Amino acid sequence: MVITTRFELAVPVDAAWTYLLDVEKIASCVPGASLTGVIDDKTYAGKIEVRLGPIAVSYKGRITLESVDATSHTVRIKGEGAEDRGRGGATATMTAQLEANGPATNVVMNTDLAVSGIVAQFGRSTIMQEVAQRMTQRFASCVEQQLKAATPAS
């Protein structure tokens, strides 16, 4: 299933690009996620808890920055995880593209998501779309607050 989400950050594209590539800084902005280790400069271990309607599921796994193109401001990230309890798992390949919009930055994320286990049995695609949209908005709001805090007032 492919999920497309969009948001805008009130900073220039170069500032947003630099900030969004700092996985250790932005990990705390992903709802329910935490970074548990740095494997190398492109691979990180972590965990995430997600609620899909009545189902709550926790995954442990890793994310890898597969490709980073500074010229087009495009990054592709692969995430893989296994459920803490049960035999399910999830894999996602997310491509984000940043585009200048005057003094702001538009971000479009396309996520190709595959799940197995209880989430696959009960997680209707509309629920997953809604959860993805909600998580993206919370992520964008958190990043916006961090960027404002890191940018001195002029």
N, C-alpha and C. Protein backbone atom coordinates (compact mmCIF):
# COMPACT_ATOMS: atom_id res chain seq x y z
N MET A 1 0.85 -1.16 0.00
CA MET A 1 0.00 0.00 0.00
C MET A 1 0.90 1.24 0.00
N VAL A 2 0.56 2.20 -0.85
CA VAL A 2 1.32 3.45 -0.91
C VAL A 2 0.51 4.54 -0.22
N ILE A 3 1.17 5.23 0.69
CA ILE A 3 0.53 6.32 1.44
C ILE A 3 1.30 7.60 1.12
N THR A 4 0.58 8.62 0.67
CA THR A 4 1.20 9.91 0.37
C THR A 4 0.76 10.93 1.42
N THR A 5 1.73 11.61 2.01
CA THR A 5 1.44 12.65 2.99
C THR A 5 2.22 13.90 2.61
N ARG A 6 1.68 15.06 3.00
CA ARG A 6 2.30 16.34 2.67
C ARG A 6 2.25 17.26 3.88
N PHE A 7 3.28 18.10 3.99
CA PHE A 7 3.26 19.15 5.01
C PHE A 7 4.19 20.26 4.58
N GLU A 8 4.09 21.39 5.27
CA GLU A 8 4.93 22.55 4.97
C GLU A 8 5.68 22.95 6.23
N LEU A 9 6.93 23.35 6.05
CA LEU A 9 7.74 23.88 7.15
C LEU A 9 8.06 25.34 6.84
N ALA A 10 7.98 26.18 7.85
CA ALA A 10 8.17 27.62 7.66
C ALA A 10 9.65 28.02 7.73
N VAL A 11 10.48 27.26 7.02
CA VAL A 11 11.92 27.57 6.93
C VAL A 11 12.35 27.33 5.48
N PRO A 12 13.44 27.97 5.06
CA PRO A 12 13.94 27.73 3.70
C PRO A 12 14.33 26.26 3.49
N VAL A 13 14.29 25.83 2.23
CA VAL A 13 14.50 24.42 1.90
C VAL A 13 15.85 23.90 2.38
N ASP A 14 16.92 24.69 2.30
CA ASP A 14 18.23 24.20 2.75
C ASP A 14 18.26 23.92 4.25
N ALA A 15 17.60 24.78 5.02
CA ALA A 15 17.55 24.58 6.48
C ALA A 15 16.71 23.34 6.81
N ALA A 16 15.58 23.18 6.13
CA ALA A 16 14.73 22.00 6.36
C ALA A 16 15.46 20.73 5.96
N TRP A 17 16.15 20.75 4.84
CA TRP A 17 16.89 19.59 4.34
C TRP A 17 17.94 19.14 5.35
N THR A 18 18.76 20.07 5.80
CA THR A 18 19.81 19.74 6.75
C THR A 18 19.22 19.16 8.03
N TYR A 19 18.16 19.77 8.51
CA TYR A 19 17.55 19.33 9.76
C TYR A 19 16.91 17.95 9.63
N LEU A 20 16.17 17.74 8.54
CA LEU A 20 15.46 16.47 8.37
C LEU A 20 16.39 15.29 8.15
N LEU A 21 17.61 15.54 7.73
CA LEU A 21 18.58 14.44 7.56
C LEU A 21 19.27 14.06 8.86
N ASP A 22 19.06 14.82 9.92
CA ASP A 22 19.66 14.52 11.22
C ASP A 22 18.74 13.57 11.98
N VAL A 23 18.90 12.28 11.72
CA VAL A 23 18.00 11.26 12.28
C VAL A 23 17.95 11.32 13.80
N GLU A 24 19.09 11.55 14.43
CA GLU A 24 19.10 11.58 15.89
C GLU A 24 18.28 12.74 16.44
N LYS A 25 18.22 13.86 15.73
CA LYS A 25 17.41 15.00 16.19
C LYS A 25 15.93 14.78 15.96
N ILE A 26 15.59 14.25 14.79
CA ILE A 26 14.16 14.18 14.45
C ILE A 26 13.46 12.92 14.94
N ALA A 27 14.21 11.93 15.40
CA ALA A 27 13.58 10.67 15.85
C ALA A 27 12.53 10.92 16.93
N SER A 28 12.80 11.87 17.81
CA SER A 28 11.84 12.15 18.89
C SER A 28 10.55 12.77 18.37
N CYS A 29 10.54 13.24 17.12
CA CYS A 29 9.33 13.82 16.54
C CYS A 29 8.41 12.80 15.90
N VAL A 30 8.90 11.58 15.71
CA VAL A 30 8.05 10.54 15.13
C VAL A 30 7.19 9.98 16.26
N PRO A 31 5.86 10.17 16.18
CA PRO A 31 4.99 9.73 17.27
C PRO A 31 5.16 8.25 17.60
N GLY A 32 5.41 7.97 18.87
CA GLY A 32 5.54 6.60 19.34
C GLY A 32 6.89 5.96 19.09
N ALA A 33 7.82 6.72 18.50
CA ALA A 33 9.12 6.13 18.13
C ALA A 33 10.23 6.58 19.07
N SER A 34 11.25 5.75 19.15
CA SER A 34 12.47 6.13 19.86
C SER A 34 13.65 5.46 19.18
N LEU A 35 14.76 6.17 19.17
CA LEU A 35 16.00 5.66 18.62
C LEU A 35 16.70 4.88 19.71
N THR A 36 17.11 3.64 19.40
CA THR A 36 17.75 2.82 20.42
C THR A 36 19.24 2.60 20.15
N GLY A 37 19.68 2.98 18.95
CA GLY A 37 21.09 2.82 18.66
C GLY A 37 21.47 3.34 17.29
N VAL A 38 22.75 3.66 17.15
CA VAL A 38 23.29 4.08 15.87
C VAL A 38 24.20 2.96 15.39
N ILE A 39 23.86 2.35 14.26
CA ILE A 39 24.63 1.24 13.73
C ILE A 39 25.80 1.77 12.90
N ASP A 40 25.51 2.71 12.01
CA ASP A 40 26.55 3.43 11.28
C ASP A 40 25.96 4.77 10.84
N ASP A 41 26.66 5.51 9.96
CA ASP A 41 26.19 6.85 9.64
C ASP A 41 24.92 6.86 8.77
N LYS A 42 24.45 5.70 8.33
CA LYS A 42 23.23 5.64 7.53
C LYS A 42 22.20 4.66 8.08
N THR A 43 22.52 3.97 9.17
CA THR A 43 21.64 2.92 9.70
C THR A 43 21.44 3.12 11.20
N TYR A 44 20.18 3.03 11.61
CA TYR A 44 19.81 3.28 13.00
C TYR A 44 18.85 2.20 13.50
N ALA A 45 18.97 1.86 14.77
CA ALA A 45 18.05 0.91 15.40
C ALA A 45 17.02 1.72 16.19
N GLY A 46 15.80 1.19 16.24
CA GLY A 46 14.77 1.90 16.97
C GLY A 46 13.57 1.04 17.23
N LYS A 47 12.58 1.67 17.84
CA LYS A 47 11.31 0.99 18.09
C LYS A 47 10.19 2.01 17.92
N ILE A 48 9.01 1.49 17.63
CA ILE A 48 7.85 2.35 17.44
C ILE A 48 6.61 1.61 17.91
N GLU A 49 5.71 2.35 18.52
CA GLU A 49 4.41 1.84 18.92
C GLU A 49 3.36 2.59 18.14
N VAL A 50 2.44 1.84 17.52
CA VAL A 50 1.41 2.44 16.69
C VAL A 50 0.06 1.87 17.11
N ARG A 51 -0.95 2.74 17.09
CA ARG A 51 -2.31 2.30 17.38
C ARG A 51 -3.14 2.46 16.11
N LEU A 52 -3.74 1.34 15.68
CA LEU A 52 -4.63 1.34 14.52
C LEU A 52 -6.02 0.95 15.02
N GLY A 53 -6.82 1.94 15.31
CA GLY A 53 -8.14 1.65 15.88
C GLY A 53 -7.97 0.93 17.20
N PRO A 54 -8.55 -0.27 17.35
CA PRO A 54 -8.46 -1.00 18.62
C PRO A 54 -7.15 -1.76 18.81
N ILE A 55 -6.31 -1.76 17.78
CA ILE A 55 -5.08 -2.55 17.82
C ILE A 55 -3.88 -1.66 18.16
N ALA A 56 -3.09 -2.10 19.13
CA ALA A 56 -1.83 -1.42 19.43
C ALA A 56 -0.71 -2.42 19.14
N VAL A 57 0.30 -1.97 18.42
CA VAL A 57 1.38 -2.86 18.05
C VAL A 57 2.72 -2.15 18.23
N SER A 58 3.72 -2.91 18.66
CA SER A 58 5.07 -2.38 18.84
C SER A 58 6.02 -3.13 17.93
N TYR A 59 6.91 -2.37 17.30
CA TYR A 59 7.91 -2.95 16.43
C TYR A 59 9.30 -2.55 16.88
N LYS A 60 10.25 -3.46 16.72
CA LYS A 60 11.67 -3.16 16.90
C LYS A 60 12.33 -3.41 15.56
N GLY A 61 13.23 -2.52 15.17
CA GLY A 61 13.86 -2.74 13.88
C GLY A 61 14.91 -1.69 13.58
N ARG A 62 15.07 -1.44 12.29
CA ARG A 62 16.09 -0.47 11.87
C ARG A 62 15.60 0.33 10.68
N ILE A 63 16.18 1.52 10.57
CA ILE A 63 15.95 2.33 9.39
C ILE A 63 17.30 2.62 8.74
N THR A 64 17.27 2.71 7.42
CA THR A 64 18.49 2.94 6.66
C THR A 64 18.25 4.05 5.66
N LEU A 65 19.15 5.02 5.63
CA LEU A 65 19.11 6.06 4.60
C LEU A 65 19.68 5.41 3.34
N GLU A 66 18.80 5.03 2.41
CA GLU A 66 19.25 4.31 1.22
C GLU A 66 19.86 5.23 0.18
N SER A 67 19.25 6.39 -0.03
CA SER A 67 19.82 7.35 -0.98
C SER A 67 19.49 8.76 -0.54
N VAL A 68 20.45 9.63 -0.74
CA VAL A 68 20.31 11.03 -0.36
C VAL A 68 20.80 11.85 -1.55
N ASP A 69 19.90 12.65 -2.14
CA ASP A 69 20.25 13.48 -3.29
C ASP A 69 20.06 14.94 -2.90
N ALA A 70 21.16 15.59 -2.56
CA ALA A 70 21.10 16.98 -2.10
C ALA A 70 20.67 17.93 -3.22
N THR A 71 20.96 17.59 -4.47
CA THR A 71 20.60 18.47 -5.58
C THR A 71 19.08 18.59 -5.73
N SER A 72 18.40 17.44 -5.67
CA SER A 72 16.94 17.45 -5.83
C SER A 72 16.21 17.46 -4.48
N HIS A 73 16.97 17.50 -3.38
CA HIS A 73 16.40 17.45 -2.03
C HIS A 73 15.46 16.26 -1.88
N THR A 74 15.96 15.07 -2.27
CA THR A 74 15.18 13.84 -2.18
C THR A 74 15.96 12.82 -1.36
N VAL A 75 15.24 12.15 -0.46
CA VAL A 75 15.86 11.11 0.36
C VAL A 75 14.96 9.88 0.34
N ARG A 76 15.58 8.70 0.27
CA ARG A 76 14.83 7.45 0.35
C ARG A 76 15.30 6.70 1.59
N ILE A 77 14.33 6.32 2.43
CA ILE A 77 14.62 5.65 3.69
C ILE A 77 13.88 4.32 3.71
N LYS A 78 14.56 3.28 4.15
CA LYS A 78 13.91 1.97 4.28
C LYS A 78 13.83 1.62 5.76
N GLY A 79 12.66 1.19 6.18
CA GLY A 79 12.47 0.76 7.56
C GLY A 79 11.97 -0.67 7.58
N GLU A 80 12.49 -1.46 8.51
CA GLU A 80 12.06 -2.84 8.68
C GLU A 80 11.93 -3.10 10.17
N GLY A 81 10.87 -3.79 10.55
CA GLY A 81 10.70 -4.09 11.95
C GLY A 81 9.90 -5.35 12.18
N ALA A 82 10.09 -5.94 13.33
CA ALA A 82 9.34 -7.12 13.75
C ALA A 82 8.55 -6.75 15.00
N GLU A 83 7.36 -7.33 15.11
CA GLU A 83 6.54 -7.07 16.29
C GLU A 83 7.25 -7.57 17.54
N ASP A 84 7.10 -6.81 18.63
CA ASP A 84 7.65 -7.25 19.91
C ASP A 84 7.01 -8.55 20.35
N ARG A 85 5.69 -8.63 20.18
CA ARG A 85 4.95 -9.84 20.51
C ARG A 85 4.29 -10.32 19.23
N GLY A 86 4.34 -11.58 19.00
CA GLY A 86 3.70 -12.10 17.79
C GLY A 86 4.69 -12.31 16.67
N ARG A 87 4.13 -12.67 15.52
CA ARG A 87 4.99 -13.02 14.40
C ARG A 87 4.89 -12.04 13.25
N GLY A 88 4.31 -10.91 13.47
CA GLY A 88 4.14 -9.95 12.39
C GLY A 88 5.33 -9.04 12.21
N GLY A 89 5.26 -8.29 11.16
CA GLY A 89 6.33 -7.35 10.88
C GLY A 89 5.85 -6.27 9.93
N ALA A 90 6.74 -5.35 9.65
CA ALA A 90 6.42 -4.27 8.72
C ALA A 90 7.69 -3.86 8.00
N THR A 91 7.52 -3.51 6.72
CA THR A 91 8.60 -2.91 5.97
C THR A 91 8.01 -1.69 5.27
N ALA A 92 8.81 -0.66 5.17
CA ALA A 92 8.36 0.56 4.50
C ALA A 92 9.55 1.19 3.79
N THR A 93 9.27 1.66 2.58
CA THR A 93 10.25 2.47 1.87
C THR A 93 9.60 3.83 1.67
N MET A 94 10.21 4.84 2.24
CA MET A 94 9.66 6.19 2.21
C MET A 94 10.59 7.08 1.40
N THR A 95 10.00 7.77 0.44
CA THR A 95 10.74 8.75 -0.34
C THR A 95 10.16 10.12 -0.02
N ALA A 96 11.03 11.02 0.41
CA ALA A 96 10.60 12.38 0.73
C ALA A 96 11.28 13.34 -0.22
N GLN A 97 10.50 14.28 -0.72
CA GLN A 97 11.05 15.32 -1.58
C GLN A 97 10.68 16.67 -0.99
N LEU A 98 11.70 17.53 -0.86
CA LEU A 98 11.51 18.86 -0.35
C LEU A 98 11.59 19.84 -1.51
N GLU A 99 10.72 20.83 -1.47
CA GLU A 99 10.68 21.82 -2.54
C GLU A 99 10.49 23.20 -1.94
N ALA A 100 11.29 24.14 -2.42
CA ALA A 100 11.17 25.52 -1.94
C ALA A 100 9.82 26.09 -2.31
N ASN A 101 9.22 26.81 -1.37
CA ASN A 101 7.96 27.50 -1.60
C ASN A 101 8.13 28.88 -1.00
N GLY A 102 8.86 29.76 -1.70
CA GLY A 102 9.20 31.07 -1.14
C GLY A 102 10.11 30.85 0.06
N PRO A 103 9.77 31.46 1.20
CA PRO A 103 10.59 31.30 2.39
C PRO A 103 10.31 29.99 3.16
N ALA A 104 9.38 29.18 2.65
CA ALA A 104 8.99 27.94 3.32
C ALA A 104 9.42 26.74 2.46
N THR A 105 9.13 25.55 2.98
CA THR A 105 9.47 24.30 2.30
C THR A 105 8.26 23.38 2.29
N ASN A 106 7.92 22.89 1.11
CA ASN A 106 6.89 21.86 0.99
C ASN A 106 7.57 20.50 1.04
N VAL A 107 6.99 19.58 1.79
CA VAL A 107 7.53 18.23 1.90
C VAL A 107 6.44 17.25 1.46
N VAL A 108 6.80 16.37 0.52
CA VAL A 108 5.88 15.31 0.08
C VAL A 108 6.56 13.98 0.39
N MET A 109 5.86 13.13 1.11
CA MET A 109 6.39 11.81 1.47
C MET A 109 5.50 10.73 0.85
N ASN A 110 6.12 9.83 0.10
CA ASN A 110 5.43 8.66 -0.44
C ASN A 110 6.00 7.43 0.26
N THR A 111 5.13 6.70 0.94
CA THR A 111 5.56 5.54 1.71
C THR A 111 4.91 4.29 1.15
N ASP A 112 5.74 3.34 0.75
CA ASP A 112 5.26 2.05 0.30
C ASP A 112 5.36 1.11 1.51
N LEU A 113 4.21 0.76 2.07
CA LEU A 113 4.14 0.04 3.34
C LEU A 113 3.60 -1.37 3.14
N ALA A 114 4.27 -2.33 3.75
CA ALA A 114 3.78 -3.72 3.75
C ALA A 114 3.80 -4.21 5.20
N VAL A 115 2.68 -4.78 5.65
CA VAL A 115 2.58 -5.29 7.02
C VAL A 115 2.13 -6.74 6.99
N SER A 116 2.52 -7.46 8.04
CA SER A 116 2.07 -8.84 8.20
C SER A 116 1.65 -9.03 9.65
N GLY A 117 0.99 -10.14 9.93
CA GLY A 117 0.53 -10.39 11.29
C GLY A 117 -0.83 -9.78 11.55
N ILE A 118 -1.10 -9.49 12.82
CA ILE A 118 -2.42 -9.00 13.22
C ILE A 118 -2.79 -7.69 12.53
N VAL A 119 -1.82 -6.83 12.31
CA VAL A 119 -2.11 -5.55 11.66
C VAL A 119 -2.62 -5.79 10.24
N ALA A 120 -2.04 -6.74 9.54
CA ALA A 120 -2.49 -7.05 8.17
C ALA A 120 -3.90 -7.62 8.19
N GLN A 121 -4.24 -8.38 9.24
CA GLN A 121 -5.56 -8.99 9.33
C GLN A 121 -6.64 -7.97 9.67
N PHE A 122 -6.29 -7.01 10.53
CA PHE A 122 -7.32 -6.10 11.03
C PHE A 122 -7.16 -4.66 10.58
N GLY A 123 -6.00 -4.32 10.09
CA GLY A 123 -5.74 -2.92 9.73
C GLY A 123 -6.24 -2.59 8.34
N ARG A 124 -7.45 -2.05 8.24
CA ARG A 124 -7.97 -1.63 6.94
C ARG A 124 -7.13 -0.48 6.41
N SER A 125 -7.02 -0.40 5.10
CA SER A 125 -6.17 0.62 4.51
C SER A 125 -6.64 2.03 4.87
N THR A 126 -7.96 2.23 5.03
CA THR A 126 -8.43 3.57 5.40
C THR A 126 -7.94 3.95 6.79
N ILE A 127 -7.90 2.99 7.71
CA ILE A 127 -7.39 3.27 9.05
C ILE A 127 -5.91 3.61 8.97
N MET A 128 -5.16 2.84 8.18
CA MET A 128 -3.73 3.11 8.04
C MET A 128 -3.48 4.49 7.42
N GLN A 129 -4.29 4.86 6.44
CA GLN A 129 -4.17 6.19 5.82
C GLN A 129 -4.40 7.29 6.87
N GLU A 130 -5.47 7.13 7.67
CA GLU A 130 -5.79 8.12 8.69
C GLU A 130 -4.68 8.23 9.72
N VAL A 131 -4.18 7.08 10.17
CA VAL A 131 -3.11 7.09 11.17
C VAL A 131 -1.85 7.73 10.59
N ALA A 132 -1.53 7.41 9.33
CA ALA A 132 -0.35 8.00 8.68
C ALA A 132 -0.48 9.52 8.58
N GLN A 133 -1.66 9.99 8.22
CA GLN A 133 -1.88 11.45 8.12
C GLN A 133 -1.72 12.12 9.48
N ARG A 134 -2.31 11.51 10.50
CA ARG A 134 -2.24 12.07 11.85
C ARG A 134 -0.79 12.07 12.36
N MET A 135 -0.08 10.96 12.14
CA MET A 135 1.31 10.89 12.59
C MET A 135 2.18 11.91 11.84
N THR A 136 1.92 12.08 10.55
CA THR A 136 2.70 13.05 9.76
C THR A 136 2.46 14.46 10.26
N GLN A 137 1.22 14.80 10.57
CA GLN A 137 0.94 16.15 11.07
C GLN A 137 1.61 16.39 12.43
N ARG A 138 1.58 15.39 13.29
CA ARG A 138 2.27 15.53 14.59
C ARG A 138 3.77 15.65 14.40
N PHE A 139 4.33 14.86 13.46
CA PHE A 139 5.75 14.94 13.14
C PHE A 139 6.11 16.33 12.63
N ALA A 140 5.33 16.84 11.67
CA ALA A 140 5.60 18.15 11.09
C ALA A 140 5.53 19.25 12.15
N SER A 141 4.55 19.17 13.03
CA SER A 141 4.40 20.17 14.09
C SER A 141 5.61 20.14 15.03
N CYS A 142 6.06 18.97 15.40
CA CYS A 142 7.22 18.82 16.28
C CYS A 142 8.48 19.36 15.61
N VAL A 143 8.71 19.00 14.33
CA VAL A 143 9.88 19.49 13.60
C VAL A 143 9.84 21.01 13.51
N GLU A 144 8.67 21.55 13.22
CA GLU A 144 8.49 23.01 13.13
C GLU A 144 8.89 23.68 14.46
N GLN A 145 8.44 23.11 15.57
CA GLN A 145 8.79 23.67 16.88
C GLN A 145 10.29 23.57 17.14
N GLN A 146 10.91 22.44 16.78
CA GLN A 146 12.35 22.28 16.98
C GLN A 146 13.13 23.27 16.12
N LEU A 147 12.68 23.45 14.87
CA LEU A 147 13.37 24.40 13.99
C LEU A 147 13.26 25.83 14.51
N LYS A 148 12.07 26.20 15.01
CA LYS A 148 11.89 27.55 15.57
C LYS A 148 12.79 27.74 16.78
N ALA A 149 12.90 26.70 17.62
CA ALA A 149 13.74 26.80 18.82
C ALA A 149 15.21 26.90 18.45
N ALA A 150 15.61 26.26 17.33
CA ALA A 150 17.01 26.24 16.93
C ALA A 150 17.40 27.48 16.12
N THR A 151 16.40 28.21 15.62
CA THR A 151 16.68 29.39 14.80
C THR A 151 16.56 30.64 15.64
N PRO A 152 17.63 31.41 15.75
CA PRO A 152 17.54 32.65 16.52
C PRO A 152 16.58 33.63 15.88
N ALA A 153 15.84 34.32 16.71
CA ALA A 153 14.90 35.33 16.20
C ALA A 153 15.68 36.47 15.58
N SER A 154 15.17 36.98 14.44
CA SER A 154 15.89 38.08 13.79
C SER A 154 15.24 39.40 14.08
